[in-house]
């Protein structure tokens, strides 16, 4: 799983029929404090939203074949799926991120 922040939405009126009805969000990998600097690596991905996430939220997403293991994405041509909205992150006893 990868930690990321929702930075946008994607709308595609013409798509593979098995993608109909899926919400597509633009996600960028982020650090444990929700920022994009420091150790955050990787680029921007388009991910299917399986949990009702929104812009600005920090999420966990899976990429590759693991992205097709949710009830929403099973047997669909998906390479990234948002599967959790992060409430807080604690590292070494210190809160690094708390959802506002």
PDB file of N, CA and C in Angstrom:
ATOM      1  N   UNK A   1       0.845  -1.179   0.000  1.00  0.00           N
ATOM      2  CA  UNK A   1       0.000   0.000   0.000  1.00  0.00           C
ATOM      3  C   UNK A   1       0.885   1.235   0.000  1.00  0.00           C
ATOM      4  N   UNK A   2       0.317   2.298  -0.556  1.00  0.00           N
ATOM      5  CA  UNK A   2       1.038   3.557  -0.675  1.00  0.00           C
ATOM      6  C   UNK A   2       0.206   4.655  -0.027  1.00  0.00           C
ATOM      7  N   UNK A   3       0.883   5.556   0.675  1.00  0.00           N
ATOM      8  CA  UNK A   3       0.235   6.703   1.280  1.00  0.00           C
ATOM      9  C   UNK A   3       0.151   7.811   0.240  1.00  0.00           C
ATOM     10  N   UNK A   4      -1.024   8.391   0.055  1.00  0.00           N
ATOM     11  CA  UNK A   4      -1.177   9.443  -0.942  1.00  0.00           C
ATOM     12  C   UNK A   4      -2.221  10.458  -0.535  1.00  0.00           C
ATOM     13  N   UNK A   5      -2.269  11.550  -1.282  1.00  0.00           N
ATOM     14  CA  UNK A   5      -3.258  12.601  -1.041  1.00  0.00           C
ATOM     15  C   UNK A   5      -4.052  12.809  -2.330  1.00  0.00           C
ATOM     16  N   UNK A   6      -5.358  12.940  -2.191  1.00  0.00           N
ATOM     17  CA  UNK A   6      -6.221  13.175  -3.344  1.00  0.00           C
ATOM     18  C   UNK A   6      -6.032  14.616  -3.800  1.00  0.00           C
ATOM     19  N   UNK A   7      -5.630  14.781  -5.074  1.00  0.00           N
ATOM     20  CA  UNK A   7      -5.391  16.126  -5.598  1.00  0.00           C
ATOM     21  C   UNK A   7      -6.355  16.499  -6.717  1.00  0.00           C
ATOM     22  N   UNK A   8      -7.220  15.579  -7.125  1.00  0.00           N
ATOM     23  CA  UNK A   8      -8.158  15.918  -8.182  1.00  0.00           C
ATOM     24  C   UNK A   8      -9.066  14.763  -8.559  1.00  0.00           C
ATOM     25  N   UNK A   9      -9.919  15.037  -9.532  1.00  0.00           N
ATOM     26  CA  UNK A   9     -10.838  14.030 -10.048  1.00  0.00           C
ATOM     27  C   UNK A   9     -10.586  13.847 -11.536  1.00  0.00           C
ATOM     28  N   UNK A  10     -11.062  12.744 -12.066  1.00  0.00           N
ATOM     29  CA  UNK A  10     -10.941  12.476 -13.487  1.00  0.00           C
ATOM     30  C   UNK A  10     -12.300  12.025 -14.006  1.00  0.00           C
ATOM     31  N   UNK A  11     -12.733  12.653 -15.091  1.00  0.00           N
ATOM     32  CA  UNK A  11     -14.001  12.288 -15.716  1.00  0.00           C
ATOM     33  C   UNK A  11     -13.697  11.786 -17.114  1.00  0.00           C
ATOM     34  N   UNK A  12     -14.233  10.631 -17.460  1.00  0.00           N
ATOM     35  CA  UNK A  12     -14.080  10.051 -18.795  1.00  0.00           C
ATOM     36  C   UNK A  12     -15.450   9.560 -19.239  1.00  0.00           C
ATOM     37  N   UNK A  13     -16.052  10.229 -20.202  1.00  0.00           N
ATOM     38  CA  UNK A  13     -17.400   9.846 -20.622  1.00  0.00           C
ATOM     39  C   UNK A  13     -17.399   8.587 -21.475  1.00  0.00           C
ATOM     40  N   UNK A  14     -16.288   8.322 -22.157  1.00  0.00           N
ATOM     41  CA  UNK A  14     -16.166   7.092 -22.942  1.00  0.00           C
ATOM     42  C   UNK A  14     -15.087   6.236 -22.309  1.00  0.00           C
ATOM     43  N   UNK A  15     -15.456   5.026 -21.936  1.00  0.00           N
ATOM     44  CA  UNK A  15     -14.497   4.133 -21.277  1.00  0.00           C
ATOM     45  C   UNK A  15     -14.940   2.687 -21.424  1.00  0.00           C
ATOM     46  N   UNK A  16     -14.070   1.787 -21.055  1.00  0.00           N
ATOM     47  CA  UNK A  16     -14.363   0.354 -21.021  1.00  0.00           C
ATOM     48  C   UNK A  16     -15.638   0.147 -20.193  1.00  0.00           C
ATOM     49  N   UNK A  17     -16.589  -0.629 -20.690  1.00  0.00           N
ATOM     50  CA  UNK A  17     -17.856  -0.821 -19.980  1.00  0.00           C
ATOM     51  C   UNK A  17     -17.721  -1.298 -18.537  1.00  0.00           C
ATOM     52  N   UNK A  18     -16.700  -2.082 -18.214  1.00  0.00           N
ATOM     53  CA  UNK A  18     -16.555  -2.561 -16.824  1.00  0.00           C
ATOM     54  C   UNK A  18     -16.118  -1.443 -15.875  1.00  0.00           C
ATOM     55  N   UNK A  19     -15.756  -0.275 -16.414  1.00  0.00           N
ATOM     56  CA  UNK A  19     -15.389   0.868 -15.566  1.00  0.00           C
ATOM     57  C   UNK A  19     -16.566   1.801 -15.307  1.00  0.00           C
ATOM     58  N   UNK A  20     -17.704   1.535 -15.953  1.00  0.00           N
ATOM     59  CA  UNK A  20     -18.891   2.368 -15.751  1.00  0.00           C
ATOM     60  C   UNK A  20     -19.269   2.407 -14.273  1.00  0.00           C
ATOM     61  N   UNK A  21     -19.580   3.589 -13.783  1.00  0.00           N
ATOM     62  CA  UNK A  21     -20.024   3.759 -12.407  1.00  0.00           C
ATOM     63  C   UNK A  21     -18.923   3.887 -11.375  1.00  0.00           C
ATOM     64  N   UNK A  22     -17.657   3.755 -11.787  1.00  0.00           N
ATOM     65  CA  UNK A  22     -16.549   3.877 -10.839  1.00  0.00           C
ATOM     66  C   UNK A  22     -16.086   5.334 -10.756  1.00  0.00           C
ATOM     67  N   UNK A  23     -15.833   5.807  -9.544  1.00  0.00           N
ATOM     68  CA  UNK A  23     -15.314   7.155  -9.321  1.00  0.00           C
ATOM     69  C   UNK A  23     -13.793   7.114  -9.456  1.00  0.00           C
ATOM     70  N   UNK A  24     -13.252   7.978 -10.315  1.00  0.00           N
ATOM     71  CA  UNK A  24     -11.812   8.024 -10.550  1.00  0.00           C
ATOM     72  C   UNK A  24     -11.224   9.285  -9.918  1.00  0.00           C
ATOM     73  N   UNK A  25     -10.184   9.103  -9.113  1.00  0.00           N
ATOM     74  CA  UNK A  25      -9.531  10.216  -8.428  1.00  0.00           C
ATOM     75  C   UNK A  25      -8.051  10.262  -8.779  1.00  0.00           C
ATOM     76  N   UNK A  26      -7.493  11.460  -8.761  1.00  0.00           N
ATOM     77  CA  UNK A  26      -6.066  11.663  -9.016  1.00  0.00           C
ATOM     78  C   UNK A  26      -5.373  11.718  -7.664  1.00  0.00           C
ATOM     79  N   UNK A  27      -4.368  10.846  -7.484  1.00  0.00           N
ATOM     80  CA  UNK A  27      -3.677  10.697  -6.200  1.00  0.00           C
ATOM     81  C   UNK A  27      -2.182  10.925  -6.389  1.00  0.00           C
ATOM     82  N   UNK A  28      -1.578  11.638  -5.466  1.00  0.00           N
ATOM     83  CA  UNK A  28      -0.129  11.841  -5.472  1.00  0.00           C
ATOM     84  C   UNK A  28       0.451  11.269  -4.183  1.00  0.00           C
ATOM     85  N   UNK A  29       1.527  10.517  -4.292  1.00  0.00           N
ATOM     86  CA  UNK A  29       2.183   9.952  -3.104  1.00  0.00           C
ATOM     87  C   UNK A  29       2.596  11.085  -2.172  1.00  0.00           C
ATOM     88  N   UNK A  30       2.498  10.849  -0.863  1.00  0.00           N
ATOM     89  CA  UNK A  30       2.849  11.890   0.110  1.00  0.00           C
ATOM     90  C   UNK A  30       3.620  11.301   1.286  1.00  0.00           C
ATOM     91  N   UNK A  31       4.174  12.195   2.100  1.00  0.00           N
ATOM     92  CA  UNK A  31       4.896  11.820   3.315  1.00  0.00           C
ATOM     93  C   UNK A  31       3.905  11.500   4.433  1.00  0.00           C
ATOM     94  N   UNK A  32       4.401  11.027   5.569  1.00  0.00           N
ATOM     95  CA  UNK A  32       3.542  10.676   6.701  1.00  0.00           C
ATOM     96  C   UNK A  32       2.825  11.874   7.306  1.00  0.00           C
ATOM     97  N   UNK A  33       3.279  13.086   7.010  1.00  0.00           N
ATOM     98  CA  UNK A  33       2.582  14.272   7.508  1.00  0.00           C
ATOM     99  C   UNK A  33       1.605  14.844   6.475  1.00  0.00           C
ATOM    100  N   UNK A  34       1.435  14.142   5.356  1.00  0.00           N
ATOM    101  CA  UNK A  34       0.512  14.574   4.320  1.00  0.00           C
ATOM    102  C   UNK A  34       1.100  15.554   3.326  1.00  0.00           C
ATOM    103  N   UNK A  35       2.406  15.840   3.448  1.00  0.00           N
ATOM    104  CA  UNK A  35       3.044  16.793   2.534  1.00  0.00           C
ATOM    105  C   UNK A  35       3.667  16.061   1.351  1.00  0.00           C
ATOM    106  N   UNK A  36       4.064  16.829   0.353  1.00  0.00           N
ATOM    107  CA  UNK A  36       4.656  16.261  -0.852  1.00  0.00           C
ATOM    108  C   UNK A  36       6.166  16.403  -0.899  1.00  0.00           C
ATOM    109  N   UNK A  37       6.790  16.905   0.149  1.00  0.00           N
ATOM    110  CA  UNK A  37       8.244  17.079   0.146  1.00  0.00           C
ATOM    111  C   UNK A  37       8.913  15.937   0.900  1.00  0.00           C
ATOM    112  N   UNK A  38      10.216  15.980   0.969  1.00  0.00           N
ATOM    113  CA  UNK A  38      10.941  14.974   1.751  1.00  0.00           C
ATOM    114  C   UNK A  38      11.022  13.643   1.049  1.00  0.00           C
ATOM    115  N   UNK A  39      10.620  12.594   1.758  1.00  0.00           N
ATOM    116  CA  UNK A  39      10.827  11.236   1.246  1.00  0.00           C
ATOM    117  C   UNK A  39       9.733  10.737   0.311  1.00  0.00           C
ATOM    118  N   UNK A  40       8.702  11.547   0.057  1.00  0.00           N
ATOM    119  CA  UNK A  40       7.644  11.088  -0.844  1.00  0.00           C
ATOM    120  C   UNK A  40       8.202  10.894  -2.244  1.00  0.00           C
ATOM    121  N   UNK A  41       8.010   9.712  -2.767  1.00  0.00           N
ATOM    122  CA  UNK A  41       8.487   9.416  -4.112  1.00  0.00           C
ATOM    123  C   UNK A  41       7.326   8.934  -4.955  1.00  0.00           C
ATOM    124  N   UNK A  42       7.541   8.891  -6.214  1.00  0.00           N
ATOM    125  CA  UNK A  42       6.492   8.435  -7.102  1.00  0.00           C
ATOM    126  C   UNK A  42       5.706   9.605  -7.639  1.00  0.00           C
ATOM    127  N   UNK A  43       4.982   9.324  -8.671  1.00  0.00           N
ATOM    128  CA  UNK A  43       4.245  10.386  -9.327  1.00  0.00           C
ATOM    129  C   UNK A  43       2.781  10.369  -8.993  1.00  0.00           C
ATOM    130  N   UNK A  44       2.027  10.841  -9.943  1.00  0.00           N
ATOM    131  CA  UNK A  44       0.586  10.932  -9.823  1.00  0.00           C
ATOM    132  C   UNK A  44      -0.037   9.691 -10.455  1.00  0.00           C
ATOM    133  N   UNK A  45      -1.063   9.150  -9.812  1.00  0.00           N
ATOM    134  CA  UNK A  45      -1.789   8.006 -10.357  1.00  0.00           C
ATOM    135  C   UNK A  45      -3.277   8.315 -10.379  1.00  0.00           C
ATOM    136  N   UNK A  46      -3.982   7.646 -11.264  1.00  0.00           N
ATOM    137  CA  UNK A  46      -5.440   7.681 -11.270  1.00  0.00           C
ATOM    138  C   UNK A  46      -5.888   6.401 -10.591  1.00  0.00           C
ATOM    139  N   UNK A  47      -6.726   6.543  -9.571  1.00  0.00           N
ATOM    140  CA  UNK A  47      -7.154   5.387  -8.783  1.00  0.00           C
ATOM    141  C   UNK A  47      -8.668   5.338  -8.688  1.00  0.00           C
ATOM    142  N   UNK A  48      -9.199   4.138  -8.657  1.00  0.00           N
ATOM    143  CA  UNK A  48     -10.617   3.939  -8.411  1.00  0.00           C
ATOM    144  C   UNK A  48     -10.867   4.131  -6.921  1.00  0.00           C
ATOM    145  N   UNK A  49     -11.924   4.862  -6.600  1.00  0.00           N
ATOM    146  CA  UNK A  49     -12.267   5.120  -5.201  1.00  0.00           C
ATOM    147  C   UNK A  49     -13.215   4.041  -4.701  1.00  0.00           C
ATOM    148  N   UNK A  50     -12.756   3.214  -3.779  1.00  0.00           N
ATOM    149  CA  UNK A  50     -13.588   2.147  -3.218  1.00  0.00           C
ATOM    150  C   UNK A  50     -14.172   2.513  -1.861  1.00  0.00           C
ATOM    151  N   UNK A  51     -13.842   3.733  -1.348  1.00  0.00           N
ATOM    152  CA  UNK A  51     -14.244   4.070   0.025  1.00  0.00           C
ATOM    153  C   UNK A  51     -14.907   5.431   0.193  1.00  0.00           C
ATOM    154  N   UNK A  52     -15.117   6.180  -0.870  1.00  0.00           N
ATOM    155  CA  UNK A  52     -15.767   7.486  -0.753  1.00  0.00           C
ATOM    156  C   UNK A  52     -14.841   8.613  -0.357  1.00  0.00           C
ATOM    157  N   UNK A  53     -13.611   8.589  -0.832  1.00  0.00           N
ATOM    158  CA  UNK A  53     -12.629   9.635  -0.511  1.00  0.00           C
ATOM    159  C   UNK A  53     -12.923  10.915  -1.284  1.00  0.00           C
ATOM    160  N   UNK A  54     -12.344  12.019  -0.810  1.00  0.00           N
ATOM    161  CA  UNK A  54     -12.531  13.303  -1.468  1.00  0.00           C
ATOM    162  C   UNK A  54     -11.239  14.075  -1.583  1.00  0.00           C
ATOM    163  N   UNK A  55     -11.276  15.152  -2.336  1.00  0.00           N
ATOM    164  CA  UNK A  55     -10.094  15.984  -2.567  1.00  0.00           C
ATOM    165  C   UNK A  55      -9.526  16.485  -1.248  1.00  0.00           C
ATOM    166  N   UNK A  56      -8.198  16.395  -1.122  1.00  0.00           N
ATOM    167  CA  UNK A  56      -7.492  16.860   0.070  1.00  0.00           C
ATOM    168  C   UNK A  56      -7.294  15.791   1.130  1.00  0.00           C
ATOM    169  N   UNK A  57      -7.966  14.656   1.005  1.00  0.00           N
ATOM    170  CA  UNK A  57      -7.827  13.618   2.025  1.00  0.00           C
ATOM    171  C   UNK A  57      -6.576  12.777   1.786  1.00  0.00           C
ATOM    172  N   UNK A  58      -5.987  12.341   2.887  1.00  0.00           N
ATOM    173  CA  UNK A  58      -4.856  11.410   2.839  1.00  0.00           C
ATOM    174  C   UNK A  58      -5.448  10.004   2.837  1.00  0.00           C
ATOM    175  N   UNK A  59      -4.953   9.170   1.934  1.00  0.00           N
ATOM    176  CA  UNK A  59      -5.521   7.838   1.734  1.00  0.00           C
ATOM    177  C   UNK A  59      -4.423   6.786   1.615  1.00  0.00           C
ATOM    178  N   UNK A  60      -4.842   5.533   1.700  1.00  0.00           N
ATOM    179  CA  UNK A  60      -3.980   4.400   1.353  1.00  0.00           C
ATOM    180  C   UNK A  60      -4.504   3.842   0.046  1.00  0.00           C
ATOM    181  N   UNK A  61      -3.599   3.613  -0.892  1.00  0.00           N
ATOM    182  CA  UNK A  61      -4.021   2.986  -2.135  1.00  0.00           C
ATOM    183  C   UNK A  61      -3.082   1.849  -2.482  1.00  0.00           C
ATOM    184  N   UNK A  62      -3.644   0.885  -3.194  1.00  0.00           N
ATOM    185  CA  UNK A  62      -2.872  -0.264  -3.661  1.00  0.00           C
ATOM    186  C   UNK A  62      -2.741  -0.150  -5.168  1.00  0.00           C
ATOM    187  N   UNK A  63      -1.600  -0.602  -5.669  1.00  0.00           N
ATOM    188  CA  UNK A  63      -1.352  -0.565  -7.108  1.00  0.00           C
ATOM    189  C   UNK A  63      -1.022  -1.964  -7.607  1.00  0.00           C
ATOM    190  N   UNK A  64      -1.147  -2.157  -8.906  1.00  0.00           N
ATOM    191  CA  UNK A  64      -0.857  -3.451  -9.504  1.00  0.00           C
ATOM    192  C   UNK A  64      -1.990  -4.425  -9.283  1.00  0.00           C
ATOM    193  N   UNK A  65      -1.672  -5.712  -9.276  1.00  0.00           N
ATOM    194  CA  UNK A  65      -2.710  -6.732  -9.164  1.00  0.00           C
ATOM    195  C   UNK A  65      -3.484  -6.641  -7.849  1.00  0.00           C
ATOM    196  N   UNK A  66      -2.886  -6.104  -6.810  1.00  0.00           N
ATOM    197  CA  UNK A  66      -3.590  -5.935  -5.532  1.00  0.00           C
ATOM    198  C   UNK A  66      -4.765  -4.977  -5.651  1.00  0.00           C
ATOM    199  N   UNK A  67      -4.714  -4.069  -6.612  1.00  0.00           N
ATOM    200  CA  UNK A  67      -5.791  -3.099  -6.804  1.00  0.00           C
ATOM    201  C   UNK A  67      -7.091  -3.762  -7.230  1.00  0.00           C
ATOM    202  N   UNK A  68      -7.029  -4.973  -7.728  1.00  0.00           N
ATOM    203  CA  UNK A  68      -8.225  -5.678  -8.183  1.00  0.00           C
ATOM    204  C   UNK A  68      -8.770  -6.637  -7.124  1.00  0.00           C
ATOM    205  N   UNK A  69      -8.353  -6.485  -5.889  1.00  0.00           N
ATOM    206  CA  UNK A  69      -8.769  -7.401  -4.829  1.00  0.00           C
ATOM    207  C   UNK A  69      -9.907  -6.870  -3.972  1.00  0.00           C
ATOM    208  N   UNK A  70     -10.462  -5.687  -4.286  1.00  0.00           N
ATOM    209  CA  UNK A  70     -11.593  -5.170  -3.517  1.00  0.00           C
ATOM    210  C   UNK A  70     -12.896  -5.616  -4.170  1.00  0.00           C
ATOM    211  N   UNK A  71     -13.993  -5.521  -3.447  1.00  0.00           N
ATOM    212  CA  UNK A  71     -15.295  -5.874  -4.004  1.00  0.00           C
ATOM    213  C   UNK A  71     -15.648  -4.957  -5.175  1.00  0.00           C
ATOM    214  N   UNK A  72     -15.245  -3.693  -5.097  1.00  0.00           N
ATOM    215  CA  UNK A  72     -15.565  -2.711  -6.136  1.00  0.00           C
ATOM    216  C   UNK A  72     -14.792  -2.972  -7.424  1.00  0.00           C
ATOM    217  N   UNK A  73     -13.562  -3.453  -7.317  1.00  0.00           N
ATOM    218  CA  UNK A  73     -12.679  -3.541  -8.490  1.00  0.00           C
ATOM    219  C   UNK A  73     -12.411  -4.959  -8.993  1.00  0.00           C
ATOM    220  N   UNK A  74     -12.968  -5.942  -8.355  1.00  0.00           N
ATOM    221  CA  UNK A  74     -12.682  -7.333  -8.732  1.00  0.00           C
ATOM    222  C   UNK A  74     -13.015  -7.581 -10.204  1.00  0.00           C
ATOM    223  N   UNK A  75     -12.057  -8.173 -10.914  1.00  0.00           N
ATOM    224  CA  UNK A  75     -12.191  -8.515 -12.332  1.00  0.00           C
ATOM    225  C   UNK A  75     -12.403  -7.309 -13.240  1.00  0.00           C
ATOM    226  N   UNK A  76     -11.859  -6.163 -12.846  1.00  0.00           N
ATOM    227  CA  UNK A  76     -11.940  -4.956 -13.672  1.00  0.00           C
ATOM    228  C   UNK A  76     -10.525  -4.510 -14.039  1.00  0.00           C
ATOM    229  N   UNK A  77     -10.351  -3.827 -15.172  1.00  0.00           N
ATOM    230  CA  UNK A  77      -9.010  -3.411 -15.600  1.00  0.00           C
ATOM    231  C   UNK A  77      -8.513  -2.187 -14.831  1.00  0.00           C
ATOM    232  N   UNK A  78      -8.156  -2.406 -13.572  1.00  0.00           N
ATOM    233  CA  UNK A  78      -7.769  -1.326 -12.660  1.00  0.00           C
ATOM    234  C   UNK A  78      -6.352  -1.567 -12.175  1.00  0.00           C
ATOM    235  N   UNK A  79      -5.553  -0.495 -12.121  1.00  0.00           N
ATOM    236  CA  UNK A  79      -4.174  -0.615 -11.655  1.00  0.00           C
ATOM    237  C   UNK A  79      -3.927   0.098 -10.332  1.00  0.00           C
ATOM    238  N   UNK A  80      -4.894   0.881  -9.838  1.00  0.00           N
ATOM    239  CA  UNK A  80      -4.753   1.540  -8.534  1.00  0.00           C
ATOM    240  C   UNK A  80      -6.137   1.702  -7.916  1.00  0.00           C
ATOM    241  N   UNK A  81      -6.244   1.389  -6.617  1.00  0.00           N
ATOM    242  CA  UNK A  81      -7.507   1.491  -5.889  1.00  0.00           C
ATOM    243  C   UNK A  81      -7.288   2.131  -4.532  1.00  0.00           C
ATOM    244  N   UNK A  82      -8.092   3.137  -4.236  1.00  0.00           N
ATOM    245  CA  UNK A  82      -8.079   3.748  -2.900  1.00  0.00           C
ATOM    246  C   UNK A  82      -8.897   2.840  -2.006  1.00  0.00           C
ATOM    247  N   UNK A  83      -8.262   2.347  -0.915  1.00  0.00           N
ATOM    248  CA  UNK A  83      -8.969   1.401  -0.061  1.00  0.00           C
ATOM    249  C   UNK A  83      -9.065   1.816   1.391  1.00  0.00           C
ATOM    250  N   UNK A  84      -8.556   3.005   1.729  1.00  0.00           N
ATOM    251  CA  UNK A  84      -8.700   3.494   3.100  1.00  0.00           C
ATOM    252  C   UNK A  84      -8.498   5.005   3.137  1.00  0.00           C
ATOM    253  N   UNK A  85      -9.275   5.663   3.991  1.00  0.00           N
ATOM    254  CA  UNK A  85      -9.077   7.084   4.268  1.00  0.00           C
ATOM    255  C   UNK A  85      -8.384   7.157   5.614  1.00  0.00           C
ATOM    256  N   UNK A  86      -7.246   7.837   5.649  1.00  0.00           N
ATOM    257  CA  UNK A  86      -6.405   7.878   6.854  1.00  0.00           C
ATOM    258  C   UNK A  86      -6.964   8.891   7.861  1.00  0.00           C
ATOM    259  N   UNK A  87      -7.110   8.454   9.116  1.00  0.00           N
ATOM    260  CA  UNK A  87      -7.539   9.345  10.191  1.00  0.00           C
ATOM    261  C   UNK A  87      -6.352   9.960  10.910  1.00  0.00           C
ATOM    262  N   UNK A  88      -5.330   9.140  11.169  1.00  0.00           N
ATOM    263  CA  UNK A  88      -4.118   9.667  11.806  1.00  0.00           C
ATOM    264  C   UNK A  88      -2.949   8.741  11.544  1.00  0.00           C
ATOM    265  N   UNK A  89      -1.754   9.330  11.634  1.00  0.00           N
ATOM    266  CA  UNK A  89      -0.512   8.568  11.477  1.00  0.00           C
ATOM    267  C   UNK A  89       0.386   8.911  12.654  1.00  0.00           C
ATOM    268  N   UNK A  90       0.841   7.869  13.349  1.00  0.00           N
ATOM    269  CA  UNK A  90       1.755   8.034  14.469  1.00  0.00           C
ATOM    270  C   UNK A  90       3.054   7.309  14.138  1.00  0.00           C
ATOM    271  N   UNK A  91       4.167   7.998  14.312  1.00  0.00           N
ATOM    272  CA  UNK A  91       5.480   7.412  14.060  1.00  0.00           C
ATOM    273  C   UNK A  91       6.353   7.667  15.281  1.00  0.00           C
ATOM    274  N   UNK A  92       6.857   6.599  15.872  1.00  0.00           N
ATOM    275  CA  UNK A  92       7.741   6.738  17.028  1.00  0.00           C
ATOM    276  C   UNK A  92       7.092   7.447  18.192  1.00  0.00           C
ATOM    277  N   UNK A  93       5.790   7.255  18.379  1.00  0.00           N
ATOM    278  CA  UNK A  93       5.090   7.875  19.494  1.00  0.00           C
ATOM    279  C   UNK A  93       4.663   9.310  19.259  1.00  0.00           C
ATOM    280  N   UNK A  94       4.924   9.840  18.067  1.00  0.00           N
ATOM    281  CA  UNK A  94       4.563  11.218  17.739  1.00  0.00           C
ATOM    282  C   UNK A  94       3.521  11.209  16.627  1.00  0.00           C
ATOM    283  N   UNK A  95       2.448  11.955  16.825  1.00  0.00           N
ATOM    284  CA  UNK A  95       1.446  12.086  15.773  1.00  0.00           C
ATOM    285  C   UNK A  95       2.036  12.926  14.647  1.00  0.00           C
ATOM    286  N   UNK A  96       2.086  12.358  13.463  1.00  0.00           N
ATOM    287  CA  UNK A  96       2.612  13.060  12.297  1.00  0.00           C
ATOM    288  C   UNK A  96       1.497  13.653  11.457  1.00  0.00           C
ATOM    289  N   UNK A  97       0.323  12.997  11.478  1.00  0.00           N
ATOM    290  CA  UNK A  97      -0.811  13.479  10.689  1.00  0.00           C
ATOM    291  C   UNK A  97      -2.086  13.169  11.445  1.00  0.00           C
ATOM    292  N   UNK A  98      -2.992  14.154  11.510  1.00  0.00           N
ATOM    293  CA  UNK A  98      -4.320  13.955  12.068  1.00  0.00           C
ATOM    294  C   UNK A  98      -5.296  14.589  11.091  1.00  0.00           C
ATOM    295  N   UNK A  99      -6.301  13.817  10.709  1.00  0.00           N
ATOM    296  CA  UNK A  99      -7.314  14.323   9.771  1.00  0.00           C
ATOM    297  C   UNK A  99      -8.033  15.504  10.396  1.00  0.00           C
ATOM    298  N   UNK A 100      -8.177  16.561   9.645  1.00  0.00           N
ATOM    299  CA  UNK A 100      -8.864  17.775  10.151  1.00  0.00           C
ATOM    300  C   UNK A 100     -10.348  17.611  10.144  1.00  0.00           C
TER     301      UNK A 100
END
